[in-house]
Amino acid sequence: MSAALTAFASPEVAEEVDEIVAPAADVPWQTVVWDDPVNLMSYVVRVFRTYFGYDEDRATRLMLSVHHDGHAVVAEGAREQMELHAQAMHDYGLWATVRKAPM
Protein backbone atom coordinates (compact mmCIF):
# COMPACT_ATOMS: atom_id res chain seq x y z
CA MET A 1 0.00 0.00 0.00
CA SER A 2 1.36 3.41 -0.81
CA ALA A 3 1.63 6.15 1.76
CA ALA A 4 -0.88 8.23 -0.22
CA LEU A 5 -3.62 5.63 0.34
CA THR A 6 -3.00 5.13 4.04
CA ALA A 7 -5.81 6.60 6.16
CA PHE A 8 -4.95 8.48 9.32
CA ALA A 9 -7.25 9.36 12.18
CA SER A 10 -8.25 12.98 12.18
CA PRO A 11 -6.87 14.98 15.10
CA GLU A 12 -10.30 16.60 15.49
CA VAL A 13 -12.52 15.39 18.31
CA ALA A 14 -15.58 13.57 17.09
CA GLU A 15 -18.80 15.37 17.87
CA GLU A 16 -20.97 13.53 20.37
CA VAL A 17 -24.69 13.52 19.78
CA ASP A 18 -27.09 12.68 22.56
CA GLU A 19 -29.96 10.73 21.10
CA ILE A 20 -32.71 9.16 23.09
CA VAL A 21 -33.91 5.97 21.51
CA ALA A 22 -36.57 3.98 23.28
CA PRO A 23 -35.89 0.26 23.38
CA ALA A 24 -38.25 -1.73 21.17
CA ALA A 25 -40.00 -3.12 24.23
CA ASP A 26 -40.76 0.42 25.47
CA VAL A 27 -42.48 1.57 22.29
CA PRO A 28 -46.24 1.28 22.88
CA TRP A 29 -48.37 -0.66 20.41
CA GLN A 30 -52.13 -0.90 20.10
CA THR A 31 -54.64 -3.59 19.28
CA VAL A 32 -57.40 -2.10 17.15
CA VAL A 33 -60.74 -3.82 16.56
CA TRP A 34 -62.54 -2.86 13.35
CA ASP A 35 -66.23 -2.76 12.52
CA ASP A 36 -67.56 -5.63 10.48
CA PRO A 37 -70.97 -6.45 8.99
CA VAL A 38 -71.18 -9.87 10.63
CA ASN A 39 -70.94 -9.75 14.43
CA LEU A 40 -73.74 -8.55 16.64
CA MET A 41 -73.04 -5.69 19.03
CA SER A 42 -73.96 -7.88 21.99
CA TYR A 43 -71.42 -10.48 20.86
CA VAL A 44 -68.63 -7.87 20.61
CA VAL A 45 -69.43 -6.69 24.15
CA ARG A 46 -69.30 -10.29 25.36
CA VAL A 47 -65.91 -10.84 23.68
CA PHE A 48 -64.45 -7.69 25.29
CA ARG A 49 -65.79 -8.72 28.69
CA THR A 50 -64.69 -12.35 28.40
CA TYR A 51 -61.25 -11.88 26.89
CA PHE A 52 -60.10 -8.53 28.34
CA GLY A 53 -62.11 -8.71 31.56
CA TYR A 54 -63.64 -5.28 30.92
CA ASP A 55 -66.75 -4.32 32.85
CA GLU A 56 -70.08 -3.88 31.05
CA ASP A 57 -69.72 -0.09 30.69
CA ARG A 58 -66.21 -0.15 29.25
CA ALA A 59 -66.98 -3.05 26.90
CA THR A 60 -70.12 -1.26 25.68
CA ARG A 61 -68.27 2.04 25.13
CA LEU A 62 -65.60 0.26 23.09
CA MET A 63 -68.21 -1.63 21.07
CA LEU A 64 -70.07 1.62 20.33
CA SER A 65 -66.81 3.22 19.22
CA VAL A 66 -66.23 0.29 16.86
CA HIS A 67 -69.81 0.59 15.59
CA HIS A 68 -69.93 4.39 15.14
CA ASP A 69 -66.28 5.26 14.39
CA GLY A 70 -65.38 2.09 12.52
CA HIS A 71 -62.71 1.02 14.99
CA ALA A 72 -61.55 1.21 18.61
CA VAL A 73 -58.26 0.75 20.43
CA VAL A 74 -59.00 -2.07 22.86
CA ALA A 75 -55.51 -2.51 24.36
CA GLU A 76 -52.09 -0.85 24.44
CA GLY A 77 -48.72 -2.23 25.45
CA ALA A 78 -45.80 -4.32 24.22
CA ARG A 79 -45.96 -5.43 20.60
CA GLU A 80 -45.91 -9.16 21.37
CA GLN A 81 -48.84 -8.86 23.77
CA MET A 82 -50.82 -6.75 21.26
CA GLU A 83 -50.23 -9.39 18.58
CA LEU A 84 -51.57 -12.03 20.96
CA HIS A 85 -54.66 -9.88 21.58
CA ALA A 86 -55.21 -9.40 17.83
CA GLN A 87 -54.92 -13.15 17.27
CA ALA A 88 -57.42 -13.77 20.06
CA MET A 89 -59.84 -11.31 18.44
CA HIS A 90 -59.43 -13.21 15.16
CA ASP A 91 -60.16 -16.45 17.02
CA TYR A 92 -63.42 -14.86 18.22
CA GLY A 93 -64.23 -13.86 14.63
CA LEU A 94 -63.51 -10.12 15.02
CA TRP A 95 -61.33 -8.05 12.71
CA ALA A 96 -58.28 -6.72 14.54
CA THR A 97 -54.91 -5.20 13.70
CA VAL A 98 -51.80 -4.08 15.57
CA ARG A 99 -50.21 -0.66 15.14
CA LYS A 100 -47.70 1.61 16.83
CA ALA A 101 -49.36 3.98 19.26
CA PRO A 102 -49.21 7.61 18.12
CA MET A 103 -46.55 9.50 20.03
C-alpha atoms as a PDB file:
ATOM      1  CA  MET A   1       0.000   0.000   0.000  1.00  0.00           C
ATOM      2  CA  SER A   2       1.357   3.411  -0.810  1.00  0.00           C
ATOM      3  CA  ALA A   3       1.626   6.153   1.757  1.00  0.00           C
ATOM      4  CA  ALA A   4      -0.876   8.228  -0.223  1.00  0.00           C
ATOM      5  CA  LEU A   5      -3.616   5.628   0.343  1.00  0.00           C
ATOM      6  CA  THR A   6      -3.002   5.127   4.044  1.00  0.00           C
ATOM      7  CA  ALA A   7      -5.810   6.597   6.164  1.00  0.00           C
ATOM      8  CA  PHE A   8      -4.953   8.478   9.316  1.00  0.00           C
ATOM      9  CA  ALA A   9      -7.254   9.359  12.179  1.00  0.00           C
ATOM     10  CA  SER A  10      -8.250  12.975  12.182  1.00  0.00           C
ATOM     11  CA  PRO A  11      -6.867  14.981  15.102  1.00  0.00           C
ATOM     12  CA  GLU A  12     -10.302  16.601  15.494  1.00  0.00           C
ATOM     13  CA  VAL A  13     -12.518  15.390  18.313  1.00  0.00           C
ATOM     14  CA  ALA A  14     -15.579  13.566  17.088  1.00  0.00           C
ATOM     15  CA  GLU A  15     -18.803  15.368  17.872  1.00  0.00           C
ATOM     16  CA  GLU A  16     -20.966  13.530  20.368  1.00  0.00           C
ATOM     17  CA  VAL A  17     -24.687  13.524  19.776  1.00  0.00           C
ATOM     18  CA  ASP A  18     -27.087  12.681  22.563  1.00  0.00           C
ATOM     19  CA  GLU A  19     -29.956  10.732  21.101  1.00  0.00           C
ATOM     20  CA  ILE A  20     -32.706   9.160  23.088  1.00  0.00           C
ATOM     21  CA  VAL A  21     -33.909   5.969  21.514  1.00  0.00           C
ATOM     22  CA  ALA A  22     -36.575   3.976  23.279  1.00  0.00           C
ATOM     23  CA  PRO A  23     -35.886   0.256  23.384  1.00  0.00           C
ATOM     24  CA  ALA A  24     -38.246  -1.731  21.172  1.00  0.00           C
ATOM     25  CA  ALA A  25     -40.001  -3.119  24.233  1.00  0.00           C
ATOM     26  CA  ASP A  26     -40.761   0.416  25.470  1.00  0.00           C
ATOM     27  CA  VAL A  27     -42.484   1.575  22.290  1.00  0.00           C
ATOM     28  CA  PRO A  28     -46.238   1.279  22.876  1.00  0.00           C
ATOM     29  CA  TRP A  29     -48.370  -0.659  20.406  1.00  0.00           C
ATOM     30  CA  GLN A  30     -52.130  -0.896  20.097  1.00  0.00           C
ATOM     31  CA  THR A  31     -54.639  -3.587  19.277  1.00  0.00           C
ATOM     32  CA  VAL A  32     -57.400  -2.102  17.145  1.00  0.00           C
ATOM     33  CA  VAL A  33     -60.742  -3.822  16.559  1.00  0.00           C
ATOM     34  CA  TRP A  34     -62.539  -2.857  13.352  1.00  0.00           C
ATOM     35  CA  ASP A  35     -66.230  -2.764  12.517  1.00  0.00           C
ATOM     36  CA  ASP A  36     -67.557  -5.633  10.477  1.00  0.00           C
ATOM     37  CA  PRO A  37     -70.970  -6.453   8.985  1.00  0.00           C
ATOM     38  CA  VAL A  38     -71.178  -9.873  10.634  1.00  0.00           C
ATOM     39  CA  ASN A  39     -70.943  -9.752  14.427  1.00  0.00           C
ATOM     40  CA  LEU A  40     -73.745  -8.548  16.642  1.00  0.00           C
ATOM     41  CA  MET A  41     -73.037  -5.689  19.026  1.00  0.00           C
ATOM     42  CA  SER A  42     -73.962  -7.883  21.992  1.00  0.00           C
ATOM     43  CA  TYR A  43     -71.418 -10.475  20.862  1.00  0.00           C
ATOM     44  CA  VAL A  44     -68.633  -7.872  20.609  1.00  0.00           C
ATOM     45  CA  VAL A  45     -69.429  -6.695  24.154  1.00  0.00           C
ATOM     46  CA  ARG A  46     -69.301 -10.294  25.364  1.00  0.00           C
ATOM     47  CA  VAL A  47     -65.911 -10.842  23.685  1.00  0.00           C
ATOM     48  CA  PHE A  48     -64.452  -7.693  25.292  1.00  0.00           C
ATOM     49  CA  ARG A  49     -65.791  -8.720  28.691  1.00  0.00           C
ATOM     50  CA  THR A  50     -64.690 -12.347  28.396  1.00  0.00           C
ATOM     51  CA  TYR A  51     -61.245 -11.878  26.889  1.00  0.00           C
ATOM     52  CA  PHE A  52     -60.098  -8.535  28.343  1.00  0.00           C
ATOM     53  CA  GLY A  53     -62.115  -8.706  31.561  1.00  0.00           C
ATOM     54  CA  TYR A  54     -63.643  -5.278  30.922  1.00  0.00           C
ATOM     55  CA  ASP A  55     -66.753  -4.317  32.848  1.00  0.00           C
ATOM     56  CA  GLU A  56     -70.079  -3.881  31.051  1.00  0.00           C
ATOM     57  CA  ASP A  57     -69.717  -0.092  30.686  1.00  0.00           C
ATOM     58  CA  ARG A  58     -66.210  -0.147  29.249  1.00  0.00           C
ATOM     59  CA  ALA A  59     -66.982  -3.052  26.898  1.00  0.00           C
ATOM     60  CA  THR A  60     -70.120  -1.262  25.684  1.00  0.00           C
ATOM     61  CA  ARG A  61     -68.267   2.044  25.133  1.00  0.00           C
ATOM     62  CA  LEU A  62     -65.598   0.258  23.090  1.00  0.00           C
ATOM     63  CA  MET A  63     -68.208  -1.631  21.074  1.00  0.00           C
ATOM     64  CA  LEU A  64     -70.069   1.621  20.327  1.00  0.00           C
ATOM     65  CA  SER A  65     -66.810   3.220  19.222  1.00  0.00           C
ATOM     66  CA  VAL A  66     -66.232   0.287  16.860  1.00  0.00           C
ATOM     67  CA  HIS A  67     -69.807   0.590  15.589  1.00  0.00           C
ATOM     68  CA  HIS A  68     -69.931   4.385  15.139  1.00  0.00           C
ATOM     69  CA  ASP A  69     -66.281   5.261  14.385  1.00  0.00           C
ATOM     70  CA  GLY A  70     -65.384   2.093  12.519  1.00  0.00           C
ATOM     71  CA  HIS A  71     -62.705   1.020  14.993  1.00  0.00           C
ATOM     72  CA  ALA A  72     -61.545   1.209  18.610  1.00  0.00           C
ATOM     73  CA  VAL A  73     -58.264   0.746  20.430  1.00  0.00           C
ATOM     74  CA  VAL A  74     -58.995  -2.066  22.858  1.00  0.00           C
ATOM     75  CA  ALA A  75     -55.511  -2.510  24.360  1.00  0.00           C
ATOM     76  CA  GLU A  76     -52.091  -0.851  24.440  1.00  0.00           C
ATOM     77  CA  GLY A  77     -48.717  -2.233  25.449  1.00  0.00           C
ATOM     78  CA  ALA A  78     -45.805  -4.320  24.223  1.00  0.00           C
ATOM     79  CA  ARG A  79     -45.958  -5.428  20.605  1.00  0.00           C
ATOM     80  CA  GLU A  80     -45.908  -9.161  21.373  1.00  0.00           C
ATOM     81  CA  GLN A  81     -48.842  -8.858  23.767  1.00  0.00           C
ATOM     82  CA  MET A  82     -50.817  -6.755  21.265  1.00  0.00           C
ATOM     83  CA  GLU A  83     -50.228  -9.387  18.582  1.00  0.00           C
ATOM     84  CA  LEU A  84     -51.572 -12.034  20.960  1.00  0.00           C
ATOM     85  CA  HIS A  85     -54.662  -9.883  21.577  1.00  0.00           C
ATOM     86  CA  ALA A  86     -55.207  -9.395  17.832  1.00  0.00           C
ATOM     87  CA  GLN A  87     -54.921 -13.148  17.267  1.00  0.00           C
ATOM     88  CA  ALA A  88     -57.416 -13.768  20.056  1.00  0.00           C
ATOM     89  CA  MET A  89     -59.844 -11.311  18.442  1.00  0.00           C
ATOM     90  CA  HIS A  90     -59.432 -13.210  15.159  1.00  0.00           C
ATOM     91  CA  ASP A  91     -60.156 -16.446  17.022  1.00  0.00           C
ATOM     92  CA  TYR A  92     -63.420 -14.860  18.217  1.00  0.00           C
ATOM     93  CA  GLY A  93     -64.230 -13.859  14.630  1.00  0.00           C
ATOM     94  CA  LEU A  94     -63.505 -10.123  15.025  1.00  0.00           C
ATOM     95  CA  TRP A  95     -61.330  -8.054  12.711  1.00  0.00           C
ATOM     96  CA  ALA A  96     -58.277  -6.715  14.542  1.00  0.00           C
ATOM     97  CA  THR A  97     -54.909  -5.203  13.701  1.00  0.00           C
ATOM     98  CA  VAL A  98     -51.800  -4.079  15.574  1.00  0.00           C
ATOM     99  CA  ARG A  99     -50.207  -0.655  15.138  1.00  0.00           C
ATOM    100  CA  LYS A 100     -47.700   1.608  16.835  1.00  0.00           C
ATOM    101  CA  ALA A 101     -49.362   3.976  19.260  1.00  0.00           C
ATOM    102  CA  PRO A 102     -49.210   7.607  18.119  1.00  0.00           C
ATOM    103  CA  MET A 103     -46.550   9.503  20.026  1.00  0.00           C
END
